[in-house]
C-alpha atoms as a PDB file:
ATOM      1  CA  UNK A   1      36.341 -13.538   2.975  1.00  0.00           C
ATOM      2  CA  UNK A   2      36.598 -10.298   1.053  1.00  0.00           C
ATOM      3  CA  UNK A   3      39.556  -9.925  -1.304  1.00  0.00           C
ATOM      4  CA  UNK A   4      40.534  -6.656   0.406  1.00  0.00           C
ATOM      5  CA  UNK A   5      41.173  -8.446   3.714  1.00  0.00           C
ATOM      6  CA  UNK A   6      43.275 -11.025   1.906  1.00  0.00           C
ATOM      7  CA  UNK A   7      45.190  -8.269   0.153  1.00  0.00           C
ATOM      8  CA  UNK A   8      46.059  -6.659   3.476  1.00  0.00           C
ATOM      9  CA  UNK A   9      47.371  -9.965   4.774  1.00  0.00           C
ATOM     10  CA  UNK A  10      49.419 -10.478   1.631  1.00  0.00           C
ATOM     11  CA  UNK A  11      51.131  -7.132   2.094  1.00  0.00           C
ATOM     12  CA  UNK A  12      51.836  -7.912   5.753  1.00  0.00           C
ATOM     13  CA  UNK A  13      53.596 -11.074   4.605  1.00  0.00           C
ATOM     14  CA  UNK A  14      55.307  -9.527   1.582  1.00  0.00           C
ATOM     15  CA  UNK A  15      56.713  -6.422   3.159  1.00  0.00           C
ATOM     16  CA  UNK A  16      58.320  -7.857   6.248  1.00  0.00           C
ATOM     17  CA  UNK A  17      59.921 -11.190   5.434  1.00  0.00           C
ATOM     18  CA  UNK A  18      63.567 -10.046   5.220  1.00  0.00           C
ATOM     19  CA  UNK A  19      63.756  -9.108   8.891  1.00  0.00           C
ATOM     20  CA  UNK A  20      66.929 -11.056   9.638  1.00  0.00           C
ATOM     21  CA  UNK A  21      68.923  -9.482   6.835  1.00  0.00           C
ATOM     22  CA  UNK A  22      67.680  -5.979   6.028  1.00  0.00           C
ATOM     23  CA  UNK A  23      67.195  -2.771   8.023  1.00  0.00           C
ATOM     24  CA  UNK A  24      64.506  -0.355   6.900  1.00  0.00           C
ATOM     25  CA  UNK A  25      63.862   3.263   7.736  1.00  0.00           C
ATOM     26  CA  UNK A  26      60.921   3.417  10.180  1.00  0.00           C
ATOM     27  CA  UNK A  27      59.058   5.914   7.993  1.00  0.00           C
ATOM     28  CA  UNK A  28      59.236   3.516   5.041  1.00  0.00           C
ATOM     29  CA  UNK A  29      57.908   0.615   7.116  1.00  0.00           C
ATOM     30  CA  UNK A  30      55.091   2.681   8.588  1.00  0.00           C
ATOM     31  CA  UNK A  31      53.904   3.870   5.179  1.00  0.00           C
ATOM     32  CA  UNK A  32      54.024   0.291   3.868  1.00  0.00           C
ATOM     33  CA  UNK A  33      51.808  -0.865   6.743  1.00  0.00           C
ATOM     34  CA  UNK A  34      49.302   1.951   6.414  1.00  0.00           C
ATOM     35  CA  UNK A  35      48.995   2.017   2.636  1.00  0.00           C
ATOM     36  CA  UNK A  36      49.479  -1.668   1.814  1.00  0.00           C
ATOM     37  CA  UNK A  37      52.640  -1.859  -0.263  1.00  0.00           C
ATOM     38  CA  UNK A  38      56.078  -3.421   0.027  1.00  0.00           C
ATOM     39  CA  UNK A  39      58.738  -1.632   2.040  1.00  0.00           C
ATOM     40  CA  UNK A  40      62.026  -0.790   0.289  1.00  0.00           C
ATOM     41  CA  UNK A  41      65.545  -0.333   1.600  1.00  0.00           C
ATOM     42  CA  UNK A  42      68.382   1.916   0.452  1.00  0.00           C
ATOM     43  CA  UNK A  43      68.272   5.393  -1.085  1.00  0.00           C
ATOM     44  CA  UNK A  44      65.162   4.653  -3.119  1.00  0.00           C
ATOM     45  CA  UNK A  45      63.744   7.395  -5.308  1.00  0.00           C
ATOM     46  CA  UNK A  46      60.897   5.532  -6.957  1.00  0.00           C
ATOM     47  CA  UNK A  47      59.364   2.076  -6.597  1.00  0.00           C
ATOM     48  CA  UNK A  48      56.764   0.314  -8.709  1.00  0.00           C
ATOM     49  CA  UNK A  49      55.043  -2.825  -7.498  1.00  0.00           C
ATOM     50  CA  UNK A  50      52.344  -4.854  -9.195  1.00  0.00           C
ATOM     51  CA  UNK A  51      50.496  -8.084  -8.529  1.00  0.00           C
ATOM     52  CA  UNK A  52      48.975 -10.432 -11.104  1.00  0.00           C
ATOM     53  CA  UNK A  53      46.916 -13.582 -10.772  1.00  0.00           C
ATOM     54  CA  UNK A  54      48.003 -16.901 -12.257  1.00  0.00           C
ATOM     55  CA  UNK A  55      46.375 -16.010 -15.599  1.00  0.00           C
ATOM     56  CA  UNK A  56      48.454 -12.822 -15.816  1.00  0.00           C
ATOM     57  CA  UNK A  57      45.606 -10.410 -15.086  1.00  0.00           C
ATOM     58  CA  UNK A  58      46.702  -7.297 -13.197  1.00  0.00           C
ATOM     59  CA  UNK A  59      45.153  -7.100  -9.713  1.00  0.00           C
ATOM     60  CA  UNK A  60      47.070  -4.321  -7.923  1.00  0.00           C
ATOM     61  CA  UNK A  61      49.603  -1.662  -8.925  1.00  0.00           C
ATOM     62  CA  UNK A  62      51.322   0.637  -6.412  1.00  0.00           C
ATOM     63  CA  UNK A  63      53.784   3.435  -7.170  1.00  0.00           C
ATOM     64  CA  UNK A  64      55.715   5.233  -4.422  1.00  0.00           C
ATOM     65  CA  UNK A  65      58.066   8.223  -4.711  1.00  0.00           C
ATOM     66  CA  UNK A  66      60.447   9.240  -1.921  1.00  0.00           C
ATOM     67  CA  UNK A  67      62.586  12.246  -1.060  1.00  0.00           C
ATOM     68  CA  UNK A  68      66.257  11.845  -0.087  1.00  0.00           C
ATOM     69  CA  UNK A  69      65.398  11.421   3.595  1.00  0.00           C
ATOM     70  CA  UNK A  70      63.282   8.354   2.811  1.00  0.00           C
ATOM     71  CA  UNK A  71      59.926  10.054   3.354  1.00  0.00           C
ATOM     72  CA  UNK A  72      57.279   9.370   0.738  1.00  0.00           C
ATOM     73  CA  UNK A  73      56.115  12.277  -1.418  1.00  0.00           C
ATOM     74  CA  UNK A  74      53.516  10.435  -3.514  1.00  0.00           C
ATOM     75  CA  UNK A  75      51.709   7.103  -3.251  1.00  0.00           C
ATOM     76  CA  UNK A  76      49.446   5.922  -6.052  1.00  0.00           C
ATOM     77  CA  UNK A  77      47.515   2.663  -5.826  1.00  0.00           C
ATOM     78  CA  UNK A  78      45.123   1.060  -8.283  1.00  0.00           C
ATOM     79  CA  UNK A  79      43.416  -1.965  -6.756  1.00  0.00           C
ATOM     80  CA  UNK A  80      41.346  -3.709  -9.419  1.00  0.00           C
ATOM     81  CA  UNK A  81      40.585  -6.641  -7.130  1.00  0.00           C
ATOM     82  CA  UNK A  82      38.541  -4.353  -4.863  1.00  0.00           C
ATOM     83  CA  UNK A  83      37.630  -1.629  -7.377  1.00  0.00           C
ATOM     84  CA  UNK A  84      39.404   1.136  -5.446  1.00  0.00           C
ATOM     85  CA  UNK A  85      42.204   3.602  -6.030  1.00  0.00           C
ATOM     86  CA  UNK A  86      43.942   6.424  -4.206  1.00  0.00           C
ATOM     87  CA  UNK A  87      46.491   9.082  -5.138  1.00  0.00           C
ATOM     88  CA  UNK A  88      48.272  10.587  -2.116  1.00  0.00           C
ATOM     89  CA  UNK A  89      50.516  13.623  -1.894  1.00  0.00           C
ATOM     90  CA  UNK A  90      52.714  14.566   1.076  1.00  0.00           C
ATOM     91  CA  UNK A  91      53.570  18.266   0.809  1.00  0.00           C
ATOM     92  CA  UNK A  92      55.161  20.151   3.709  1.00  0.00           C
ATOM     93  CA  UNK A  93      53.684  17.817   6.312  1.00  0.00           C
ATOM     94  CA  UNK A  94      50.160  17.868   4.908  1.00  0.00           C
ATOM     95  CA  UNK A  95      48.724  14.671   3.457  1.00  0.00           C
ATOM     96  CA  UNK A  96      46.075  15.071   0.767  1.00  0.00           C
ATOM     97  CA  UNK A  97      44.573  13.050  -2.052  1.00  0.00           C
ATOM     98  CA  UNK A  98      43.092  13.579  -5.467  1.00  0.00           C
ATOM     99  CA  UNK A  99      40.909  11.159  -7.399  1.00  0.00           C
ATOM    100  CA  UNK A 100      39.830   7.897  -5.836  1.00  0.00           C
ATOM    101  CA  UNK A 101      39.528   7.555  -2.063  1.00  0.00           C
ATOM    102  CA  UNK A 102      39.612  10.723   0.008  1.00  0.00           C
ATOM    103  CA  UNK A 103      42.530  10.621   2.460  1.00  0.00           C
ATOM    104  CA  UNK A 104      43.918  13.525   4.478  1.00  0.00           C
ATOM    105  CA  UNK A 105      46.289  13.846   7.401  1.00  0.00           C
ATOM    106  CA  UNK A 106      49.270  15.452   9.097  1.00  0.00           C
ATOM    107  CA  UNK A 107      52.907  14.313   9.032  1.00  0.00           C
ATOM    108  CA  UNK A 108      55.636  15.421  11.453  1.00  0.00           C
ATOM    109  CA  UNK A 109      59.329  16.094  10.843  1.00  0.00           C
ATOM    110  CA  UNK A 110      60.168  12.395  11.351  1.00  0.00           C
ATOM    111  CA  UNK A 111      57.756  11.469   8.547  1.00  0.00           C
ATOM    112  CA  UNK A 112      55.344   9.990  11.082  1.00  0.00           C
ATOM    113  CA  UNK A 113      51.689  10.340  10.177  1.00  0.00           C
ATOM    114  CA  UNK A 114      50.163  11.773  13.339  1.00  0.00           C
ATOM    115  CA  UNK A 115      46.610  12.297  12.073  1.00  0.00           C
ATOM    116  CA  UNK A 116      44.737  10.404   9.393  1.00  0.00           C
ATOM    117  CA  UNK A 117      41.229  10.755   7.977  1.00  0.00           C
ATOM    118  CA  UNK A 118      39.716   8.375   5.443  1.00  0.00           C
ATOM    119  CA  UNK A 119      36.445   6.615   4.652  1.00  0.00           C
ATOM    120  CA  UNK A 120      36.719   4.671   7.922  1.00  0.00           C
ATOM    121  CA  UNK A 121      36.934   7.713  10.205  1.00  0.00           C
ATOM    122  CA  UNK A 122      39.294  10.182  11.862  1.00  0.00           C
ATOM    123  CA  UNK A 123      42.325   8.805  13.690  1.00  0.00           C
ATOM    124  CA  UNK A 124      45.434   9.735  15.661  1.00  0.00           C
ATOM    125  CA  UNK A 125      48.528   7.553  15.384  1.00  0.00           C
ATOM    126  CA  UNK A 126      51.250   6.844  17.946  1.00  0.00           C
ATOM    127  CA  UNK A 127      54.712   5.295  17.603  1.00  0.00           C
ATOM    128  CA  UNK A 128      57.088   3.409  19.866  1.00  0.00           C
ATOM    129  CA  UNK A 129      60.596   4.521  20.887  1.00  0.00           C
ATOM    130  CA  UNK A 130      62.015   3.007  17.687  1.00  0.00           C
ATOM    131  CA  UNK A 131      59.684   5.124  15.546  1.00  0.00           C
ATOM    132  CA  UNK A 132      57.497   2.180  14.530  1.00  0.00           C
ATOM    133  CA  UNK A 133      53.715   2.406  14.290  1.00  0.00           C
ATOM    134  CA  UNK A 134      52.133   1.219  17.540  1.00  0.00           C
ATOM    135  CA  UNK A 135      48.492   2.300  17.766  1.00  0.00           C
ATOM    136  CA  UNK A 136      45.734   3.850  15.680  1.00  0.00           C
ATOM    137  CA  UNK A 137      43.031   5.450  17.824  1.00  0.00           C
ATOM    138  CA  UNK A 138      39.725   7.151  17.126  1.00  0.00           C
ATOM    139  CA  UNK A 139      40.433  10.889  17.225  1.00  0.00           C
ATOM    140  CA  UNK A 140      37.124  11.765  18.885  1.00  0.00           C
ATOM    141  CA  UNK A 141      36.733   8.974  21.448  1.00  0.00           C
ATOM    142  CA  UNK A 142      40.383   8.062  22.059  1.00  0.00           C
ATOM    143  CA  UNK A 143      39.501   4.377  21.672  1.00  0.00           C
ATOM    144  CA  UNK A 144      42.307   2.258  20.208  1.00  0.00           C
ATOM    145  CA  UNK A 145      41.165   0.764  16.895  1.00  0.00           C
ATOM    146  CA  UNK A 146      44.309  -1.095  15.875  1.00  0.00           C
ATOM    147  CA  UNK A 147      47.472  -2.133  17.730  1.00  0.00           C
ATOM    148  CA  UNK A 148      50.819  -3.316  16.328  1.00  0.00           C
ATOM    149  CA  UNK A 149      53.060  -5.536  18.449  1.00  0.00           C
ATOM    150  CA  UNK A 150      56.778  -6.207  17.921  1.00  0.00           C
ATOM    151  CA  UNK A 151      59.471  -8.416  19.354  1.00  0.00           C
ATOM    152  CA  UNK A 152      63.116  -7.362  18.971  1.00  0.00           C
ATOM    153  CA  UNK A 153      62.995  -6.686  15.237  1.00  0.00           C
ATOM    154  CA  UNK A 154      61.466  -3.870  13.186  1.00  0.00           C
ATOM    155  CA  UNK A 155      58.632  -6.042  11.984  1.00  0.00           C
ATOM    156  CA  UNK A 156      55.215  -6.605  13.543  1.00  0.00           C
ATOM    157  CA  UNK A 157      54.475 -10.062  14.889  1.00  0.00           C
ATOM    158  CA  UNK A 158      50.869  -9.326  15.766  1.00  0.00           C
ATOM    159  CA  UNK A 159      48.288  -6.836  14.470  1.00  0.00           C
ATOM    160  CA  UNK A 160      44.997  -6.580  16.336  1.00  0.00           C
ATOM    161  CA  UNK A 161      42.029  -4.662  14.951  1.00  0.00           C
ATOM    162  CA  UNK A 162      39.516  -4.224  17.750  1.00  0.00           C
ATOM    163  CA  UNK A 163      36.866  -2.619  15.576  1.00  0.00           C
ATOM    164  CA  UNK A 164      36.394  -5.611  13.274  1.00  0.00           C
ATOM    165  CA  UNK A 165      37.670  -8.151  15.839  1.00  0.00           C
ATOM    166  CA  UNK A 166      40.533  -9.390  13.653  1.00  0.00           C
ATOM    167  CA  UNK A 167      43.753 -10.805  15.102  1.00  0.00           C
ATOM    168  CA  UNK A 168      46.664 -11.303  12.678  1.00  0.00           C
ATOM    169  CA  UNK A 169      49.948 -12.993  13.592  1.00  0.00           C
ATOM    170  CA  UNK A 170      52.974 -12.949  11.287  1.00  0.00           C
ATOM    171  CA  UNK A 171      55.752 -15.550  11.425  1.00  0.00           C
ATOM    172  CA  UNK A 172      59.263 -15.174  10.002  1.00  0.00           C
ATOM    173  CA  UNK A 173      61.011 -18.548   9.710  1.00  0.00           C
ATOM    174  CA  UNK A 174      64.732 -18.365   9.059  1.00  0.00           C
ATOM    175  CA  UNK A 175      65.792 -19.031   5.482  1.00  0.00           C
ATOM    176  CA  UNK A 176      68.533 -18.117   3.061  1.00  0.00           C
ATOM    177  CA  UNK A 177      69.378 -14.492   2.359  1.00  0.00           C
ATOM    178  CA  UNK A 178      68.230 -14.827  -1.236  1.00  0.00           C
ATOM    179  CA  UNK A 179      64.913 -16.588  -0.805  1.00  0.00           C
ATOM    180  CA  UNK A 180      62.794 -16.338   2.326  1.00  0.00           C
ATOM    181  CA  UNK A 181      59.404 -17.590   3.433  1.00  0.00           C
ATOM    182  CA  UNK A 182      56.859 -15.970   5.721  1.00  0.00           C
ATOM    183  CA  UNK A 183      53.336 -16.734   6.826  1.00  0.00           C
ATOM    184  CA  UNK A 184      50.483 -14.643   8.235  1.00  0.00           C
ATOM    185  CA  UNK A 185      47.556 -16.176  10.096  1.00  0.00           C
ATOM    186  CA  UNK A 186      44.474 -14.032  10.667  1.00  0.00           C
ATOM    187  CA  UNK A 187      41.406 -14.849  12.756  1.00  0.00           C
ATOM    188  CA  UNK A 188      38.082 -13.053  12.586  1.00  0.00           C
ATOM    189  CA  UNK A 189      35.247 -14.767  14.372  1.00  0.00           C
ATOM    190  CA  UNK A 190      35.147 -18.402  13.301  1.00  0.00           C
ATOM    191  CA  UNK A 191      37.153 -17.783  10.118  1.00  0.00           C
ATOM    192  CA  UNK A 192      40.918 -18.317   9.985  1.00  0.00           C
ATOM    193  CA  UNK A 193      42.910 -17.321   6.902  1.00  0.00           C
ATOM    194  CA  UNK A 194      46.482 -18.415   6.115  1.00  0.00           C
ATOM    195  CA  UNK A 195      48.734 -16.479   3.743  1.00  0.00           C
ATOM    196  CA  UNK A 196      52.122 -17.849   2.738  1.00  0.00           C
ATOM    197  CA  UNK A 197      54.632 -16.285   0.387  1.00  0.00           C
ATOM    198  CA  UNK A 198      58.205 -16.568  -0.839  1.00  0.00           C
ATOM    199  CA  UNK A 199      60.355 -13.866  -2.431  1.00  0.00           C
ATOM    200  CA  UNK A 200      63.545 -13.661  -4.431  1.00  0.00           C
ATOM    201  CA  UNK A 201      65.591 -10.553  -3.614  1.00  0.00           C
ATOM    202  CA  UNK A 202      67.906  -8.223  -5.464  1.00  0.00           C
ATOM    203  CA  UNK A 203      71.510  -7.802  -4.299  1.00  0.00           C
ATOM    204  CA  UNK A 204      70.573  -4.639  -2.365  1.00  0.00           C
ATOM    205  CA  UNK A 205      67.905  -6.439  -0.344  1.00  0.00           C
ATOM    206  CA  UNK A 206      64.725  -5.291  -2.073  1.00  0.00           C
ATOM    207  CA  UNK A 207      62.065  -7.750  -3.168  1.00  0.00           C
ATOM    208  CA  UNK A 208      62.254  -8.780  -6.824  1.00  0.00           C
ATOM    209  CA  UNK A 209      59.623 -11.446  -7.492  1.00  0.00           C
ATOM    210  CA  UNK A 210      57.247 -13.016  -5.001  1.00  0.00           C
ATOM    211  CA  UNK A 211      54.710 -15.817  -5.054  1.00  0.00           C
ATOM    212  CA  UNK A 212      51.708 -15.645  -2.729  1.00  0.00           C
ATOM    213  CA  UNK A 213      49.063 -18.167  -1.739  1.00  0.00           C
ATOM    214  CA  UNK A 214      46.043 -17.806   0.569  1.00  0.00           C
ATOM    215  CA  UNK A 215      43.784 -20.465   2.015  1.00  0.00           C
ATOM    216  CA  UNK A 216      41.309 -21.063   4.813  1.00  0.00           C
ATOM    217  CA  UNK A 217      43.050 -24.410   5.472  1.00  0.00           C
ATOM    218  CA  UNK A 218      46.392 -24.719   7.252  1.00  0.00           C
ATOM    219  CA  UNK A 219      47.517 -27.338   4.712  1.00  0.00           C
ATOM    220  CA  UNK A 220      46.738 -24.883   1.871  1.00  0.00           C
ATOM    221  CA  UNK A 221      44.523 -27.388   0.081  1.00  0.00           C
ATOM    222  CA  UNK A 222      41.688 -25.753  -1.798  1.00  0.00           C
ATOM    223  CA  UNK A 223      43.565 -22.449  -1.987  1.00  0.00           C
ATOM    224  CA  UNK A 224      41.352 -19.445  -2.635  1.00  0.00           C
ATOM    225  CA  UNK A 225      44.014 -17.119  -4.005  1.00  0.00           C
ATOM    226  CA  UNK A 226      47.329 -17.471  -5.847  1.00  0.00           C
ATOM    227  CA  UNK A 227      49.141 -14.309  -6.977  1.00  0.00           C
ATOM    228  CA  UNK A 228      52.579 -13.321  -8.271  1.00  0.00           C
ATOM    229  CA  UNK A 229      54.186  -9.914  -7.641  1.00  0.00           C
ATOM    230  CA  UNK A 230      56.991  -8.031  -9.393  1.00  0.00           C
ATOM    231  CA  UNK A 231      58.962  -4.925  -8.451  1.00  0.00           C
ATOM    232  CA  UNK A 232      60.998  -2.179 -10.065  1.00  0.00           C
ATOM    233  CA  UNK A 233      63.184   0.121  -7.960  1.00  0.00           C
ATOM    234  CA  UNK A 234      64.988   3.350  -8.924  1.00  0.00           C
ATOM    235  CA  UNK A 235      67.634   4.897  -6.664  1.00  0.00           C
ATOM    236  CA  UNK A 236      68.993   8.393  -6.160  1.00  0.00           C
END
């Protein structure tokens, strides 16, 4: 399986494992889902997140800046594992990029991305009554490409991508408030991938350090990926 698919699963697990203890702003959660980084809580001004492999080699670095309403103003990602990068700017409801991947779009007054264009195509996005991302559809055909399903919490329990026929389910076992576990299981054709991670949290509820492991076996023997992530958070 490509590292990029594994990376997406890791972020699904990383970003949403504090569901029983922390409330996030919907705009922060939506951006974390779309642009593959950890969600933050509180009046965050700037967050820096990076992932290294077990030898200490940097794999991914993501920097996010927010305004006082919790809407992102800049997102910068350098993904060495997949040889890609993007630098996004949200200015007056217009999403643009410079260097790296070309990404454009429109953002409404609730900081919901309503239109998105990238290397995969042109899309329109819809949200549920709680302001959480629900569907991504092809802008020209109206066909739903990806659907996010929720139970009673803010966090997705299932993500289905109809275009690549991938079905991801995320589980949130109960744990202590300081150290929680989560697991994502993704199926694409005959291949099933398991991603498990545990995080230690700061007193304000943001992730501090996380360990991540991926495997094609449910017993995690013969693991194909082991990474460690760290975070720095600056507040207003």
